[in-house]
Amino acid sequence: MSEIHILGPDFSTFLRSVRLYCEELGLSYTYGPDLNGKKIPLKSDELAHVNPFKKVPVLFYDEHPIFETTTICRFLDNISPTKKLLPKDPLAISLIDQWSGALSLYIDNILIRQYFLEFAFPRDPNNTVRISIVEKLIPDVISALNLLERQLNNNTFFCGNSYSMADAILTPMLDYVSQTPYAEQLFINAKNLLSYLTRMKERPSGKTVFSK
């Protein structure tokens, strides 16, 4: 197996998604913000050399860069010598693809970019959380979580009965949101989603990626 390195900071939800996918496939990898001994800052010109959109994670496979989390996961599935996470049924694949894309675009935007980052990296000049902004976002966050609850239903995994990249993408998002001060209010009608999060974090992959 060729060398795999995941470029990006450990706190990145999508880097954690790629790590989860590697763990589930049993692939060895390294990760972090350094590349060949040099730190690559976020949104930097150096990062643009491997991802023109200056986003992380970027997967390096024998020093070949690959960006976009869903593409990375599909690539990892293709190179895995034994275990495969992508199903063979076209409809099952489309379900995973559509939700992986929706999670990466729409759900990430509201849960992480707008809501969670207000706590993690306060944008107020005094470096304090803008509570008025958070309160305005709460209805949208609840709506997104309720949508996810309906999709999950009583399934073991987000897209059915098998672990998929949708689970790898969703779990880090839910983990962060569940740690915010308003979590009890947010998940009031999404109890299955909280149970799901617990199950995902208790998997060997989750214990590795989410260990403190």
Protein backbone atom coordinates (compact mmCIF):
# COMPACT_ATOMS: atom_id res chain seq x y z
CA MET A 1 0.00 0.00 0.00
CA SER A 2 1.31 3.42 -0.94
CA GLU A 3 1.76 6.20 1.61
CA ILE A 4 -1.35 8.19 2.59
CA HIS A 5 -1.17 11.61 4.24
CA ILE A 6 -4.18 13.81 5.07
CA LEU A 7 -3.27 17.49 5.06
CA GLY A 8 -5.17 19.71 7.48
CA PRO A 9 -5.62 20.56 11.16
CA ASP A 10 -7.01 17.94 13.52
CA PHE A 11 -10.03 20.10 14.42
CA SER A 12 -11.33 20.13 10.83
CA THR A 13 -14.61 18.23 10.55
CA PHE A 14 -13.80 17.06 7.04
CA LEU A 15 -10.30 15.94 7.99
CA ARG A 16 -11.92 13.88 10.73
CA SER A 17 -14.32 12.48 8.13
CA VAL A 18 -11.42 11.27 6.00
CA ARG A 19 -9.71 9.81 9.06
CA LEU A 20 -12.90 7.94 9.96
CA TYR A 21 -13.11 6.54 6.46
CA CYS A 22 -9.48 5.40 6.56
CA GLU A 23 -10.07 3.76 9.93
CA GLU A 24 -13.18 1.96 8.70
CA LEU A 25 -11.26 0.67 5.67
CA GLY A 26 -8.29 -0.33 7.79
CA LEU A 27 -5.90 1.93 5.86
CA SER A 28 -2.71 3.28 7.44
CA TYR A 29 -2.25 7.03 7.17
CA THR A 30 -0.67 10.11 8.66
CA TYR A 31 -2.35 13.47 9.12
CA GLY A 32 -1.68 17.03 10.16
CA PRO A 33 -0.96 20.55 8.89
CA ASP A 34 2.59 19.71 7.77
CA LEU A 35 3.66 18.58 4.32
CA ASN A 36 7.18 17.27 3.83
CA GLY A 37 8.21 18.88 7.09
CA LYS A 38 6.70 22.30 6.29
CA LYS A 39 3.55 23.68 7.88
CA ILE A 40 0.91 24.68 5.32
CA PRO A 41 -1.25 27.49 6.77
CA LEU A 42 -4.98 27.52 6.17
CA LYS A 43 -6.14 29.68 3.23
CA SER A 44 -2.51 30.23 2.20
CA ASP A 45 -0.89 30.46 -1.21
CA GLU A 46 1.01 27.30 -0.33
CA LEU A 47 -2.32 25.50 0.14
CA ALA A 48 -3.51 26.83 -3.23
CA HIS A 49 -0.74 24.83 -4.90
CA VAL A 50 -2.49 21.59 -3.88
CA ASN A 51 -6.09 22.84 -3.77
CA PRO A 52 -6.93 25.94 -5.83
CA PHE A 53 -9.82 26.69 -3.47
CA LYS A 54 -7.47 26.77 -0.45
CA LYS A 55 -9.54 24.24 1.47
CA VAL A 56 -8.66 21.22 3.59
CA PRO A 57 -8.43 18.32 3.76
CA VAL A 58 -6.17 17.38 0.88
CA LEU A 59 -5.25 13.73 0.58
CA PHE A 60 -1.77 12.87 -0.64
CA TYR A 61 -1.32 9.45 -2.17
CA ASP A 62 2.32 8.94 -3.11
CA GLU A 63 2.52 12.75 -3.08
CA HIS A 64 -0.37 13.13 -5.55
CA PRO A 65 -2.91 15.63 -4.07
CA ILE A 66 -6.64 14.89 -4.10
CA PHE A 67 -9.21 17.35 -2.70
CA GLU A 68 -12.94 17.33 -1.87
CA THR A 69 -13.99 14.95 0.87
CA THR A 70 -16.46 12.85 -1.12
CA THR A 71 -13.90 12.38 -3.91
CA ILE A 72 -11.27 11.44 -1.35
CA CYS A 73 -13.55 8.84 0.23
CA ARG A 74 -14.38 7.30 -3.13
CA PHE A 75 -10.67 7.18 -3.98
CA LEU A 76 -9.86 5.49 -0.67
CA ASP A 77 -12.55 2.91 -1.34
CA ASN A 78 -11.06 2.23 -4.78
CA ILE A 79 -7.52 1.69 -3.48
CA SER A 80 -8.48 -0.37 -0.44
CA PRO A 81 -7.05 -3.84 -1.05
CA THR A 82 -9.68 -5.72 0.95
CA LYS A 83 -12.63 -3.95 2.56
CA LYS A 84 -15.02 -1.77 0.53
CA LEU A 85 -17.57 0.66 1.98
CA LEU A 86 -19.30 1.68 -1.24
CA PRO A 87 -22.12 -0.75 -2.15
CA LYS A 88 -22.60 -2.21 -5.61
CA ASP A 89 -26.29 -1.42 -6.02
CA PRO A 90 -26.73 1.79 -8.09
CA LEU A 91 -29.67 3.02 -6.01
CA ALA A 92 -27.78 2.47 -2.77
CA ILE A 93 -24.81 4.34 -4.22
CA SER A 94 -27.01 7.25 -5.30
CA LEU A 95 -28.52 7.52 -1.81
CA ILE A 96 -25.06 7.73 -0.27
CA ASP A 97 -23.83 10.17 -2.92
CA GLN A 98 -26.78 12.52 -2.65
CA TRP A 99 -26.67 12.69 1.14
CA SER A 100 -22.88 12.95 1.27
CA GLY A 101 -23.13 15.91 -1.10
CA ALA A 102 -26.02 17.50 0.82
CA LEU A 103 -24.22 17.08 4.12
CA SER A 104 -21.04 18.61 2.74
CA LEU A 105 -22.84 21.59 1.19
CA TYR A 106 -26.03 22.47 3.04
CA ILE A 107 -25.82 20.81 6.44
CA ASP A 108 -22.19 21.76 7.02
CA ASN A 109 -23.01 25.36 6.15
CA ILE A 110 -25.67 25.77 8.82
CA LEU A 111 -24.36 23.45 11.55
CA ILE A 112 -20.66 24.23 11.31
CA ARG A 113 -19.87 27.31 9.20
CA GLN A 114 -22.67 29.46 10.63
CA TYR A 115 -23.50 27.96 14.03
CA PHE A 116 -20.59 26.07 15.58
CA LEU A 117 -17.84 28.39 14.38
CA GLU A 118 -19.59 31.23 16.20
CA PHE A 119 -18.59 29.42 19.40
CA ALA A 120 -15.23 28.04 18.27
CA PHE A 121 -13.93 31.24 16.66
CA PRO A 122 -16.01 34.20 17.91
CA ARG A 123 -16.20 36.99 15.36
CA ASP A 124 -17.05 39.75 17.80
CA PRO A 125 -14.30 42.39 18.13
CA ASN A 126 -14.11 41.51 21.83
CA ASN A 127 -13.66 37.83 21.00
CA THR A 128 -16.98 36.92 22.59
CA VAL A 129 -19.79 34.79 21.20
CA ARG A 130 -22.47 36.86 19.51
CA ILE A 131 -25.49 35.46 21.35
CA SER A 132 -27.94 37.43 19.22
CA ILE A 133 -26.54 35.76 16.09
CA VAL A 134 -26.66 32.32 17.73
CA GLU A 135 -30.29 32.79 18.76
CA LYS A 136 -31.25 33.76 15.22
CA LEU A 137 -29.55 30.62 13.90
CA ILE A 138 -31.16 28.19 16.34
CA PRO A 139 -34.41 27.66 14.35
CA ASP A 140 -32.39 26.79 11.23
CA VAL A 141 -30.15 24.44 13.20
CA ILE A 142 -33.15 22.68 14.72
CA SER A 143 -34.75 22.40 11.28
CA ALA A 144 -31.56 20.84 9.87
CA LEU A 145 -31.28 18.37 12.76
CA ASN A 146 -34.93 17.39 12.43
CA LEU A 147 -34.37 16.74 8.72
CA LEU A 148 -31.44 14.50 9.57
CA GLU A 149 -33.55 12.74 12.20
CA ARG A 150 -36.19 11.92 9.59
CA GLN A 151 -33.61 10.56 7.17
CA LEU A 152 -31.97 8.44 9.88
CA ASN A 153 -35.33 7.13 11.08
CA ASN A 154 -34.63 3.89 12.96
CA ASN A 155 -31.71 2.84 10.79
CA THR A 156 -28.40 1.83 12.31
CA PHE A 157 -26.50 4.01 9.86
CA PHE A 158 -27.47 7.22 8.12
CA CYS A 159 -28.08 5.67 4.69
CA GLY A 160 -29.28 2.23 5.71
CA ASN A 161 -27.73 -0.81 7.30
CA SER A 162 -24.08 -0.28 6.42
CA TYR A 163 -21.45 2.31 7.30
CA SER A 164 -20.83 4.76 4.46
CA MET A 165 -19.07 8.02 3.73
CA ALA A 166 -22.29 9.78 4.74
CA ASP A 167 -21.67 8.55 8.29
CA ALA A 168 -18.06 9.67 8.14
CA ILE A 169 -19.11 13.14 6.98
CA LEU A 170 -22.01 13.59 9.40
CA THR A 171 -20.50 12.29 12.65
CA PRO A 172 -17.89 15.05 13.20
CA MET A 173 -20.55 17.72 12.57
CA LEU A 174 -22.94 16.23 15.12
CA ASP A 175 -20.12 15.80 17.60
CA TYR A 176 -19.31 19.50 17.55
CA VAL A 177 -22.94 20.67 17.66
CA SER A 178 -23.67 18.33 20.59
CA GLN A 179 -20.97 20.10 22.62
CA THR A 180 -22.51 23.57 22.33
CA PRO A 181 -24.41 25.19 25.23
CA TYR A 182 -27.75 24.90 23.40
CA ALA A 183 -27.42 21.22 22.55
CA GLU A 184 -30.32 20.02 24.70
CA GLN A 185 -32.66 22.46 23.00
CA LEU A 186 -31.34 21.66 19.54
CA PHE A 187 -31.77 17.89 19.82
CA ILE A 188 -35.12 17.96 21.63
CA ASN A 189 -36.87 16.28 18.66
CA ALA A 190 -33.80 14.42 17.39
CA LYS A 191 -33.15 11.82 20.08
CA ASN A 192 -32.39 9.08 17.55
CA LEU A 193 -29.70 11.33 16.12
CA LEU A 194 -28.02 11.58 19.53
CA SER A 195 -28.15 7.81 19.96
CA TYR A 196 -26.69 7.47 16.49
CA LEU A 197 -23.85 9.83 17.40
CA THR A 198 -23.06 7.75 20.48
CA ARG A 199 -22.95 4.57 18.39
CA MET A 200 -20.64 6.14 15.82
CA LYS A 201 -18.25 7.41 18.49
CA GLU A 202 -18.20 4.01 20.17
CA ARG A 203 -17.03 2.28 17.00
CA PRO A 204 -13.27 1.57 16.88
CA SER A 205 -12.91 4.28 14.24
CA GLY A 206 -14.76 6.78 16.42
CA LYS A 207 -12.73 5.95 19.50
CA THR A 208 -9.56 6.61 17.53
CA VAL A 209 -10.61 9.83 15.82
CA PHE A 210 -12.50 11.43 18.71
CA SER A 211 -10.12 10.44 21.50
CA LYS A 212 -8.86 13.43 23.43
